[in-house]
N, C-alpha and C. Protein backbone atom coordinates (compact mmCIF):
# COMPACT_ATOMS: atom_id res chain seq x y z
N MET A 1 -84.25 -17.98 131.26
CA MET A 1 -83.87 -18.21 132.12
C MET A 1 -84.47 -18.15 133.60
N SER A 2 -85.18 -18.74 134.02
CA SER A 2 -86.40 -17.77 135.02
C SER A 2 -85.37 -17.28 136.48
N TYR A 3 -85.40 -16.53 137.14
CA TYR A 3 -84.87 -16.08 138.40
C TYR A 3 -83.93 -16.85 139.00
N ASP A 4 -85.36 -17.84 139.69
CA ASP A 4 -84.95 -18.99 140.43
C ASP A 4 -84.48 -20.04 139.88
N SER A 5 -83.85 -20.52 138.78
CA SER A 5 -83.53 -21.22 137.90
C SER A 5 -82.12 -20.71 137.90
N LYS A 6 -81.59 -19.58 137.49
CA LYS A 6 -80.36 -18.71 137.54
C LYS A 6 -79.78 -19.06 138.93
N ARG A 7 -80.53 -18.57 139.48
CA ARG A 7 -79.89 -18.92 141.32
C ARG A 7 -79.67 -20.04 141.41
N GLU A 8 -80.41 -21.07 141.23
CA GLU A 8 -79.81 -22.23 141.65
C GLU A 8 -78.69 -22.78 140.90
N THR A 9 -78.42 -22.47 139.54
CA THR A 9 -77.12 -22.77 138.97
C THR A 9 -76.19 -22.02 139.68
N HIS A 10 -76.21 -21.06 139.93
CA HIS A 10 -75.10 -20.32 140.81
C HIS A 10 -74.88 -20.74 142.04
N THR A 11 -76.12 -21.38 142.67
CA THR A 11 -75.60 -22.09 143.46
C THR A 11 -74.84 -22.94 143.64
N GLN A 12 -75.15 -24.03 142.75
CA GLN A 12 -74.50 -25.36 142.24
C GLN A 12 -72.94 -25.21 141.94
N MET A 13 -73.07 -23.96 141.43
CA MET A 13 -71.41 -23.77 140.99
C MET A 13 -70.64 -23.08 142.18
N VAL A 14 -71.44 -22.30 143.11
CA VAL A 14 -70.82 -22.19 143.91
C VAL A 14 -70.09 -23.09 145.09
N LEU A 15 -71.11 -24.04 145.14
CA LEU A 15 -70.87 -25.40 146.11
C LEU A 15 -70.16 -26.18 145.29
N GLY A 16 -69.58 -26.23 143.75
CA GLY A 16 -69.08 -26.92 142.81
C GLY A 16 -66.89 -26.47 142.72
N MET A 17 -67.38 -25.12 143.22
CA MET A 17 -66.02 -24.23 142.67
C MET A 17 -65.43 -24.53 144.47
N ALA A 18 -66.17 -24.09 145.69
CA ALA A 18 -66.49 -24.82 146.90
C ALA A 18 -65.51 -25.97 147.07
N ASP A 19 -66.24 -27.05 146.60
CA ASP A 19 -65.63 -28.42 146.60
C ASP A 19 -64.74 -28.94 146.23
N ARG A 20 -64.31 -27.78 144.55
CA ARG A 20 -63.03 -28.18 144.28
C ARG A 20 -61.67 -27.85 144.62
N GLN A 21 -61.95 -26.90 145.87
CA GLN A 21 -61.15 -26.05 146.34
C GLN A 21 -61.17 -26.75 147.83
N GLY A 22 -61.40 -27.88 148.27
CA GLY A 22 -61.35 -28.81 148.88
C GLY A 22 -62.25 -28.01 150.64
N VAL A 23 -63.20 -27.27 150.22
CA VAL A 23 -64.17 -26.49 151.02
C VAL A 23 -65.52 -27.14 151.08
N ASP A 24 -66.36 -27.63 152.20
CA ASP A 24 -68.04 -28.47 151.87
C ASP A 24 -68.65 -27.36 152.69
N LEU A 25 -68.59 -26.35 152.10
CA LEU A 25 -69.73 -25.50 152.06
C LEU A 25 -71.11 -25.75 153.16
N GLU A 26 -71.69 -26.52 152.45
CA GLU A 26 -72.85 -27.37 153.20
C GLU A 26 -72.53 -27.98 154.53
N GLU A 27 -71.28 -28.48 154.49
CA GLU A 27 -71.00 -29.22 156.29
C GLU A 27 -70.63 -27.98 157.12
N LEU A 28 -70.26 -26.60 156.52
CA LEU A 28 -70.11 -26.06 157.50
C LEU A 28 -70.45 -25.34 158.00
N ILE A 29 -72.02 -25.06 156.67
CA ILE A 29 -73.72 -24.82 157.43
C ILE A 29 -73.88 -25.65 158.24
N LEU A 30 -74.13 -26.95 158.40
CA LEU A 30 -74.68 -27.24 159.26
C LEU A 30 -73.56 -27.51 160.65
N ARG A 31 -72.29 -27.23 160.50
CA ARG A 31 -71.81 -27.16 161.74
C ARG A 31 -71.78 -25.51 162.43
N GLY A 32 -72.77 -24.48 161.56
CA GLY A 32 -72.70 -23.41 162.26
C GLY A 32 -71.25 -22.76 161.94
N GLU A 33 -70.36 -22.92 161.19
CA GLU A 33 -68.75 -22.42 161.09
C GLU A 33 -69.19 -21.61 159.73
N LEU A 34 -70.23 -21.24 159.05
CA LEU A 34 -70.51 -20.29 158.02
C LEU A 34 -71.90 -20.38 158.02
N SER A 35 -71.93 -19.08 157.98
CA SER A 35 -74.19 -18.82 158.09
C SER A 35 -74.28 -18.81 156.46
N GLU A 36 -75.79 -19.15 156.91
CA GLU A 36 -76.52 -18.88 155.63
C GLU A 36 -76.37 -17.67 155.13
N ASP A 37 -76.10 -16.47 155.70
CA ASP A 37 -76.45 -15.39 155.21
C ASP A 37 -74.67 -15.49 154.31
N ARG A 38 -73.76 -15.22 154.67
CA ARG A 38 -72.54 -15.50 154.30
C ARG A 38 -73.00 -16.41 153.03
N PHE A 39 -73.04 -17.49 152.99
CA PHE A 39 -73.46 -18.42 151.95
C PHE A 39 -74.36 -17.57 150.83
N GLU A 40 -75.65 -16.73 151.12
CA GLU A 40 -75.94 -16.38 150.36
C GLU A 40 -75.63 -15.42 149.51
N HIS A 41 -74.70 -14.35 150.37
CA HIS A 41 -73.71 -13.49 149.93
C HIS A 41 -72.96 -14.12 148.77
N ALA A 42 -72.74 -15.23 148.79
CA ALA A 42 -71.28 -15.79 147.70
C ALA A 42 -71.96 -16.17 146.77
N VAL A 43 -73.37 -16.83 146.75
CA VAL A 43 -74.51 -16.84 145.76
C VAL A 43 -74.16 -15.60 144.97
N ASP A 44 -74.98 -14.69 145.50
CA ASP A 44 -75.33 -12.94 145.24
C ASP A 44 -73.63 -12.87 144.31
N ARG A 45 -72.76 -12.85 145.13
CA ARG A 45 -71.60 -12.35 144.15
C ARG A 45 -71.45 -13.30 142.59
N CYS A 46 -71.87 -14.46 142.75
CA CYS A 46 -71.83 -15.56 141.69
C CYS A 46 -72.79 -14.98 140.53
N LEU A 47 -73.44 -14.67 141.10
CA LEU A 47 -74.96 -14.04 140.08
C LEU A 47 -74.06 -12.93 139.10
N GLY A 48 -74.04 -12.01 139.70
CA GLY A 48 -73.21 -10.90 139.37
C GLY A 48 -72.29 -11.43 138.62
N CYS A 49 -71.42 -12.29 137.61
CA CYS A 49 -69.74 -12.52 137.24
C CYS A 49 -70.48 -12.27 135.86
N THR A 50 -69.49 -12.24 135.56
CA THR A 50 -69.19 -11.86 133.92
C THR A 50 -68.82 -12.82 133.08
N GLN A 51 -68.36 -14.12 134.01
CA GLN A 51 -68.07 -15.63 132.86
C GLN A 51 -68.54 -16.58 133.60
N PRO A 52 -70.02 -16.63 133.80
CA PRO A 52 -70.08 -18.03 134.44
C PRO A 52 -70.02 -18.80 133.39
N ASP A 53 -70.13 -19.19 132.21
CA ASP A 53 -69.82 -20.68 131.42
C ASP A 53 -68.37 -20.56 131.35
N ALA A 54 -67.11 -19.71 131.67
CA ALA A 54 -65.80 -19.84 131.46
C ALA A 54 -66.11 -20.92 133.33
N CYS A 55 -66.53 -20.61 133.80
CA CYS A 55 -66.82 -21.22 135.29
C CYS A 55 -67.09 -22.51 135.27
N LYS A 56 -68.64 -22.67 134.29
CA LYS A 56 -69.16 -23.71 134.01
C LYS A 56 -67.92 -24.72 133.49
N CYS A 57 -67.10 -24.05 132.52
CA CYS A 57 -66.43 -25.26 131.95
C CYS A 57 -65.31 -25.71 132.94
N LEU A 58 -64.67 -25.11 133.74
CA LEU A 58 -64.30 -25.07 134.63
C LEU A 58 -64.44 -26.82 135.76
N LEU A 59 -65.62 -26.34 136.05
CA LEU A 59 -66.00 -27.33 136.87
C LEU A 59 -66.67 -28.51 135.96
N ASP A 60 -66.79 -28.26 134.93
CA ASP A 60 -67.10 -30.11 133.98
C ASP A 60 -65.47 -30.74 133.95
N SER A 61 -64.86 -30.39 134.23
CA SER A 61 -63.50 -30.67 133.43
C SER A 61 -63.24 -31.88 135.14
N THR A 62 -62.50 -32.89 134.48
CA THR A 62 -62.53 -34.01 135.37
C THR A 62 -61.20 -33.76 136.80
N ALA A 63 -60.62 -32.71 136.55
CA ALA A 63 -59.72 -32.65 137.59
C ALA A 63 -60.14 -32.49 138.73
N PRO A 64 -59.56 -32.82 139.92
CA PRO A 64 -60.32 -32.83 141.12
C PRO A 64 -60.09 -31.79 142.29
N GLU A 65 -59.06 -30.96 141.49
CA GLU A 65 -58.66 -29.64 142.29
C GLU A 65 -58.55 -28.94 140.85
N ILE A 66 -59.33 -27.77 140.97
CA ILE A 66 -59.04 -26.56 140.04
C ILE A 66 -58.35 -25.47 140.83
N ARG A 67 -57.50 -24.45 139.71
CA ARG A 67 -57.32 -22.98 140.06
C ARG A 67 -58.25 -22.45 139.95
N LEU A 68 -58.69 -21.65 141.37
CA LEU A 68 -59.58 -20.61 141.21
C LEU A 68 -59.13 -19.23 140.39
N PRO A 69 -60.03 -18.77 139.11
CA PRO A 69 -59.67 -17.68 138.23
C PRO A 69 -60.03 -16.74 138.35
N ASP A 70 -58.95 -16.20 138.27
CA ASP A 70 -59.02 -14.71 138.67
C ASP A 70 -60.06 -14.20 138.41
N TYR A 71 -60.95 -13.96 137.52
CA TYR A 71 -62.54 -13.06 137.83
C TYR A 71 -63.54 -13.52 138.68
N CYS A 72 -63.07 -15.29 139.70
CA CYS A 72 -64.17 -15.44 140.71
C CYS A 72 -64.13 -14.41 141.13
N ARG A 73 -65.57 -14.20 141.85
CA ARG A 73 -65.89 -13.00 142.63
C ARG A 73 -66.09 -13.69 144.43
N ASN A 74 -65.46 -14.78 144.70
CA ASN A 74 -65.74 -15.65 145.82
C ASN A 74 -64.24 -15.73 146.22
N VAL A 75 -63.23 -15.86 145.54
CA VAL A 75 -61.93 -16.20 145.83
C VAL A 75 -61.70 -15.87 147.39
N SER A 76 -61.47 -14.70 147.49
CA SER A 76 -61.42 -14.33 149.63
C SER A 76 -62.16 -15.12 150.20
N LEU A 77 -63.52 -15.69 150.07
CA LEU A 77 -64.21 -16.41 150.87
C LEU A 77 -63.37 -17.93 150.89
N PHE A 78 -63.17 -18.66 149.72
CA PHE A 78 -62.78 -19.95 149.55
C PHE A 78 -61.28 -19.70 150.36
N GLN A 79 -60.65 -19.21 150.02
CA GLN A 79 -59.32 -18.24 150.55
C GLN A 79 -59.72 -18.90 151.91
N ASP A 80 -60.60 -17.92 152.76
CA ASP A 80 -60.54 -17.98 153.99
C ASP A 80 -61.02 -19.48 154.71
N LEU A 81 -61.94 -19.77 154.37
CA LEU A 81 -62.07 -21.29 154.53
C LEU A 81 -61.53 -22.50 154.51
N ARG A 82 -61.05 -21.98 153.64
CA ARG A 82 -59.54 -23.45 153.14
C ARG A 82 -58.65 -23.20 154.36
N SER A 83 -58.19 -21.72 154.96
CA SER A 83 -57.24 -21.84 155.90
C SER A 83 -57.60 -22.06 156.80
N GLU A 84 -58.87 -22.33 157.01
CA GLU A 84 -59.65 -22.01 158.81
C GLU A 84 -59.30 -23.90 159.02
């Protein structure tokens, strides 16, 4: 898998996991409440994850909301944005 393809996969996982937490990252970026830089750092953290396949399985579930796994490197970001 190329780096660009892998980055796009992880970008979609970050967006999907945030969405399942009730956080619309794209909307927050458009409103200027989340910088693109902070979003890109979230994708970078996701790229360093050791369990992306487990995350994909969670995102493939039909549950409208899922609990963040303990291994998620973006837990604090999602929690911060959800509390705002």
